[in-house]
Amino acid sequence: MSRQLRPIDLARGHGLSTQAVRNYEAAGILPPAARTPHGYRAYTPRHAAALRAFLALAPGHGHRTAASVMQAVNRGEEDEAFRLIDESHVQLREDRGTLRAVESALRALEPDTSPAHHDVSAPGTTYIGPLAAQLGLRPATLRTWERAGLVRPRRDPGTGYRVYDEADVRDARLTHQLRRGGYLLEQIAPLIAHVRAAGGLDPLESALHDWHGRLSARGRAMLAGAAELDAYLRRWPERTTFADAEP
């Protein structure tokens, strides 16, 4: 017979409370536990392995996906678990592609040293016509980008014309580069927001370095999670379902 474990035995060493262990069982992250004649939960090394697999999956896939993976495994639906894992890897690949696109767009942005246009009202500002001409676009395209929140020109109080400051020009040029790379406006919006939050392109270099680090850590965590899940599947190829649990 398998060695019996108490909730505290599973919780100890993982920084968890016994209630968290019970919650994980109730959620299907752990297989259902048998009960002693006195009604206490009797966990086994199988439950400990399931807990290790879940906790290893969570850093790379996120709590929700890790929970869904273990729930599927404990229902005997391994194909569904593998599908969820595949989706996480696809997302990681897309995030890496986005990072490469941003870096490529930033490299393509050279400082604008052209002289100010005659209709510039203040240093570092321009209007929709000159900016569209500079980028080789139609003014209507800039208006579309404005509606999508990618550029945020102010209005001249006297004329009502759109006035683009240095940050708007930066955002327009970055948007232009990303659009040329095939990115949709809804994909570009969070990247522009990231540039604004960083305070411009120069501080973004540090943010991009951190972004690389986070993606690498995620990839490494996915490997660790896969190893623990594989150990669980190999050790217990036939898992107990809720329907099999004793009342």
Foldseek 3Di string as FASTA:
>chain_A
DFQWDALVRLCPPVVHDSVVLVVLCVLQLFAAFAADPVGGGTDGVLRSLSVQLLVLQCLQLNNVLSSVLSNCVQQVNNVVSVVSLVVSVVVLVVLVVVLVLLVVLVVPDDDDPDDDDPPQPDPQKDFLVVLCVVLVHDSVVVVVLVVLVQAPFDADVVPRTGMGGNLRSQSVSSVSSSVVVVDDSVVCVVVSVVQVVLVHDVSVVVVSVVSVVSSVVSVVSSVSSVVSVVVSCVVPVDHHHPVNYDD
